[in-house]
C-alpha atoms as a PDB file:
ATOM      1  CA  MET A   1       0.000   0.000   0.000  1.00  0.00           C
ATOM      2  CA  ASP A   2       1.421   3.400  -0.879  1.00  0.00           C
ATOM      3  CA  ARG A   3       1.685   6.163   1.731  1.00  0.00           C
ATOM      4  CA  PHE A   4      -1.290   8.138   0.473  1.00  0.00           C
ATOM      5  CA  GLU A   5      -3.638   5.143   0.734  1.00  0.00           C
ATOM      6  CA  ALA A   6      -2.227   4.193   4.139  1.00  0.00           C
ATOM      7  CA  HIS A   7      -2.779   7.710   5.483  1.00  0.00           C
ATOM      8  CA  ARG A   8      -6.306   7.713   4.053  1.00  0.00           C
ATOM      9  CA  ALA A   9      -7.032   4.469   5.919  1.00  0.00           C
ATOM     10  CA  ILE A  10      -5.656   5.926   9.159  1.00  0.00           C
ATOM     11  CA  ALA A  11      -7.679   9.123   8.638  1.00  0.00           C
ATOM     12  CA  THR A  12     -10.794   7.002   8.143  1.00  0.00           C
ATOM     13  CA  LEU A  13     -10.207   5.294  11.501  1.00  0.00           C
ATOM     14  CA  HIS A  14      -9.626   8.637  13.224  1.00  0.00           C
ATOM     15  CA  SER A  15     -12.716  10.197  11.656  1.00  0.00           C
ATOM     16  CA  PHE A  16     -14.677   8.227  14.283  1.00  0.00           C
ATOM     17  CA  ARG A  17     -13.092  10.102  17.170  1.00  0.00           C
ATOM     18  CA  PHE A  18     -16.432  11.648  17.988  1.00  0.00           C
ATOM     19  CA  PHE A  19     -16.775   8.605  20.291  1.00  0.00           C
ATOM     20  CA  GLY A  20     -14.935  10.662  22.928  1.00  0.00           C
ATOM     21  CA  LEU A  21     -17.952  12.960  23.198  1.00  0.00           C
ATOM     22  CA  VAL A  22     -19.676  10.260  25.267  1.00  0.00           C
ATOM     23  CA  PHE A  23     -17.531  11.389  28.201  1.00  0.00           C
ATOM     24  CA  ILE A  24     -19.780  14.461  28.539  1.00  0.00           C
ATOM     25  CA  LEU A  25     -23.131  12.724  27.919  1.00  0.00           C
ATOM     26  CA  PRO A  26     -25.171  12.249  31.090  1.00  0.00           C
ATOM     27  CA  GLY A  27     -26.294   8.668  31.519  1.00  0.00           C
ATOM     28  CA  VAL A  28     -23.448   7.152  29.493  1.00  0.00           C
ATOM     29  CA  VAL A  29     -20.817   7.853  32.123  1.00  0.00           C
ATOM     30  CA  GLY A  30     -21.273   8.179  35.864  1.00  0.00           C
ATOM     31  CA  PRO A  31     -21.965  11.546  37.501  1.00  0.00           C
ATOM     32  CA  SER A  32     -18.681  11.433  39.430  1.00  0.00           C
ATOM     33  CA  LEU A  33     -16.452  11.250  36.355  1.00  0.00           C
ATOM     34  CA  PRO A  34     -13.928  14.086  36.836  1.00  0.00           C
ATOM     35  CA  ALA A  35     -15.130  17.010  34.712  1.00  0.00           C
ATOM     36  CA  GLY A  36     -11.560  18.237  34.129  1.00  0.00           C
ATOM     37  CA  PHE A  37     -10.810  15.009  32.347  1.00  0.00           C
ATOM     38  CA  ALA A  38     -14.133  14.479  30.601  1.00  0.00           C
ATOM     39  CA  THR A  39     -14.488  17.871  28.921  1.00  0.00           C
ATOM     40  CA  PHE A  40     -10.936  18.099  27.622  1.00  0.00           C
ATOM     41  CA  ALA A  41     -10.959  14.478  26.417  1.00  0.00           C
ATOM     42  CA  ALA A  42     -14.296  14.893  24.640  1.00  0.00           C
ATOM     43  CA  TYR A  43     -13.428  18.055  22.746  1.00  0.00           C
ATOM     44  CA  GLY A  44      -9.830  17.020  22.017  1.00  0.00           C
ATOM     45  CA  ASP A  45     -11.093  13.820  20.418  1.00  0.00           C
ATOM     46  CA  PHE A  46     -13.714  15.762  18.501  1.00  0.00           C
ATOM     47  CA  ALA A  47     -11.107  18.211  17.159  1.00  0.00           C
ATOM     48  CA  ALA A  48      -8.867  15.364  15.972  1.00  0.00           C
ATOM     49  CA  GLY A  49     -11.861  13.659  14.358  1.00  0.00           C
ATOM     50  CA  VAL A  50     -12.899  16.800  12.496  1.00  0.00           C
ATOM     51  CA  LEU A  51      -9.344  17.254  11.196  1.00  0.00           C
ATOM     52  CA  ALA A  52      -9.321  13.616  10.029  1.00  0.00           C
ATOM     53  CA  ILE A  53     -12.622  14.152   8.208  1.00  0.00           C
ATOM     54  CA  LEU A  54     -11.210  17.289   6.573  1.00  0.00           C
ATOM     55  CA  ALA A  55      -8.203  15.251   5.439  1.00  0.00           C
ATOM     56  CA  LEU A  56     -10.534  12.735   3.814  1.00  0.00           C
ATOM     57  CA  LEU A  57     -12.583  15.475   2.162  1.00  0.00           C
ATOM     58  CA  THR A  58      -9.463  17.064   0.661  1.00  0.00           C
ATOM     59  CA  ALA A  59      -7.898  13.844  -0.647  1.00  0.00           C
ATOM     60  CA  ARG A  60      -8.004  15.157  -4.230  1.00  0.00           C
ATOM     61  CA  ILE A  61      -6.073  18.298  -3.239  1.00  0.00           C
ATOM     62  CA  ARG A  62      -2.845  16.648  -2.128  1.00  0.00           C
ATOM     63  CA  PRO A  63      -1.088  19.614  -0.432  1.00  0.00           C
ATOM     64  CA  LEU A  64      -4.214  20.323   1.617  1.00  0.00           C
ATOM     65  CA  PHE A  65      -4.665  16.605   2.359  1.00  0.00           C
ATOM     66  CA  TRP A  66      -1.114  16.304   3.715  1.00  0.00           C
ATOM     67  CA  THR A  67      -1.607  19.447   5.814  1.00  0.00           C
ATOM     68  CA  PHE A  68      -4.688  17.948   7.447  1.00  0.00           C
ATOM     69  CA  VAL A  69      -2.934  14.581   7.897  1.00  0.00           C
ATOM     70  CA  VAL A  70      -0.128  16.276   9.822  1.00  0.00           C
ATOM     71  CA  ALA A  71      -2.656  18.350  11.780  1.00  0.00           C
ATOM     72  CA  PHE A  72      -4.924  15.501  12.882  1.00  0.00           C
ATOM     73  CA  ASN A  73      -1.983  13.308  13.833  1.00  0.00           C
ATOM     74  CA  PHE A  74      -0.321  16.059  15.851  1.00  0.00           C
ATOM     75  CA  VAL A  75      -3.565  17.176  17.524  1.00  0.00           C
ATOM     76  CA  GLY A  76      -4.707  13.588  18.113  1.00  0.00           C
ATOM     77  CA  ALA A  77      -1.442  12.339  19.617  1.00  0.00           C
ATOM     78  CA  THR A  78      -1.162  15.441  21.798  1.00  0.00           C
ATOM     79  CA  ASP A  79      -4.762  14.997  22.914  1.00  0.00           C
ATOM     80  CA  ILE A  80      -4.162  11.394  23.969  1.00  0.00           C
ATOM     81  CA  LEU A  81      -1.010  12.252  25.920  1.00  0.00           C
ATOM     82  CA  VAL A  82      -2.660  15.202  27.658  1.00  0.00           C
ATOM     83  CA  ASP A  83      -5.730  13.077  28.418  1.00  0.00           C
ATOM     84  CA  TYR A  84      -3.524  10.494  30.139  1.00  0.00           C
ATOM     85  CA  TYR A  85      -1.981  13.287  32.199  1.00  0.00           C
ATOM     86  CA  HIS A  86      -5.396  14.767  33.089  1.00  0.00           C
ATOM     87  CA  ALA A  87      -6.766  11.323  33.984  1.00  0.00           C
ATOM     88  CA  ILE A  88      -3.931  10.707  36.425  1.00  0.00           C
ATOM     89  CA  GLN A  89      -4.130  14.212  37.908  1.00  0.00           C
ATOM     90  CA  ALA A  90      -7.913  13.932  38.328  1.00  0.00           C
ATOM     91  CA  GLY A  91      -7.652  10.522  40.001  1.00  0.00           C
ATOM     92  CA  LEU A  92      -9.558   8.707  37.259  1.00  0.00           C
ATOM     93  CA  PRO A  93      -7.991   5.301  38.017  1.00  0.00           C
ATOM     94  CA  ALA A  94      -9.631   5.377  41.454  1.00  0.00           C
ATOM     95  CA  VAL A  95     -13.073   6.036  39.939  1.00  0.00           C
ATOM     96  CA  ALA A  96     -12.714   4.032  36.720  1.00  0.00           C
ATOM     97  CA  GLY A  97     -16.179   2.576  37.270  1.00  0.00           C
ATOM     98  CA  GLN A  98     -17.593   6.020  36.466  1.00  0.00           C
ATOM     99  CA  LEU A  99     -16.633   5.455  32.834  1.00  0.00           C
ATOM    100  CA  GLY A 100     -19.515   3.004  32.581  1.00  0.00           C
ATOM    101  CA  ALA A 101     -20.051   1.785  29.018  1.00  0.00           C
ATOM    102  CA  ALA A 102     -17.315   4.160  27.827  1.00  0.00           C
ATOM    103  CA  TYR A 103     -14.704   2.031  29.634  1.00  0.00           C
ATOM    104  CA  VAL A 104     -13.862   0.344  26.324  1.00  0.00           C
ATOM    105  CA  ILE A 105     -12.610   3.669  24.887  1.00  0.00           C
ATOM    106  CA  PRO A 106      -9.498   4.098  27.084  1.00  0.00           C
ATOM    107  CA  VAL A 107      -8.873   0.354  27.324  1.00  0.00           C
ATOM    108  CA  ILE A 108      -9.074  -0.698  23.656  1.00  0.00           C
ATOM    109  CA  TYR A 109      -9.749   2.238  21.332  1.00  0.00           C
ATOM    110  CA  VAL A 110      -7.220   4.776  22.672  1.00  0.00           C
ATOM    111  CA  PRO A 111      -4.176   2.455  22.497  1.00  0.00           C
ATOM    112  CA  PHE A 112      -5.140   1.564  18.913  1.00  0.00           C
ATOM    113  CA  LEU A 113      -5.425   5.277  18.061  1.00  0.00           C
ATOM    114  CA  MET A 114      -2.040   6.040  19.629  1.00  0.00           C
ATOM    115  CA  ILE A 115      -0.357   3.200  17.737  1.00  0.00           C
ATOM    116  CA  THR A 116      -1.747   4.504  14.450  1.00  0.00           C
ATOM    117  CA  HIS A 117      -0.610   8.037  15.313  1.00  0.00           C
ATOM    118  CA  VAL A 118       2.933   6.797  15.950  1.00  0.00           C
ATOM    119  CA  VAL A 119       2.957   4.847  12.680  1.00  0.00           C
ATOM    120  CA  ALA A 120       1.512   7.769  10.719  1.00  0.00           C
ATOM    121  CA  LEU A 121       3.970  10.272  12.176  1.00  0.00           C
ATOM    122  CA  TYR A 122       6.833   7.876  11.473  1.00  0.00           C
ATOM    123  CA  TRP A 123       5.721   7.539   7.847  1.00  0.00           C
ATOM    124  CA  LEU A 124       5.474  11.329   7.569  1.00  0.00           C
ATOM    125  CA  VAL A 125       9.050  11.953   8.707  1.00  0.00           C
ATOM    126  CA  ARG A 126      10.704   8.905   7.114  1.00  0.00           C
ATOM    127  CA  PRO A 127      12.185   9.706   3.710  1.00  0.00           C
ATOM    128  CA  ARG A 128      10.735   7.861   0.762  1.00  0.00           C
ATOM    129  CA  PRO A 129      13.005   5.216  -0.771  1.00  0.00           C
ATOM    130  CA  GLY A 130      12.595   6.748  -4.241  1.00  0.00           C
ATOM    131  CA  ALA A 131      13.367  10.234  -2.944  1.00  0.00           C
ATOM    132  CA  ALA A 132      16.687   9.070  -1.499  1.00  0.00           C
ATOM    133  CA  GLN A 133      17.641   7.516  -4.830  1.00  0.00           C
ATOM    134  CA  ALA A 134      16.743  10.705  -6.676  1.00  0.00           C
ATOM    135  CA  LEU A 135      18.855  12.787  -4.287  1.00  0.00           C
ATOM    136  CA  THR A 136      21.919  10.572  -4.561  1.00  0.00           C
ATOM    137  CA  GLY A 137      21.468   9.601  -8.187  1.00  0.00           C
ATOM    138  CA  ASP A 138      22.135   5.982  -7.216  1.00  0.00           C
ATOM    139  CA  VAL A 139      19.605   4.022  -9.257  1.00  0.00           C
ATOM    140  CA  ALA A 140      21.662   0.789  -9.166  1.00  0.00           C
ATOM    141  CA  ALA A 141      21.047   0.470  -5.378  1.00  0.00           C
ATOM    142  CA  ALA A 142      17.351  -0.106  -6.045  1.00  0.00           C
END
């Protein structure tokens, strides 16, 4: 799979980051879920999801697509790291039962999102094999 298609697949996965909004829905999570964690996590996820959707919508305009790919990966990875920090500071592990049905998000979904962010960011900074050959003029090495 080429890089463009791989980043489109990752953007498709991240376009569902509106799931984090359940942290602020009454009845889905318990009333004692720390608000400092819930609000930031919900809107950070939503922002990353919107940027991923914008990346998908601009797939035909490559420079704009790559801008949104960088943006949603940076915003999304930062959001996850800051959410971990806020969760620890707010004492979320002690009241993990307040996550209710949303417990699956930090246990399964968030690690999967972080892994895809790391892979996507690695692919963004890693030079392309063809680009290295073009820079050195060494076609025989291919």
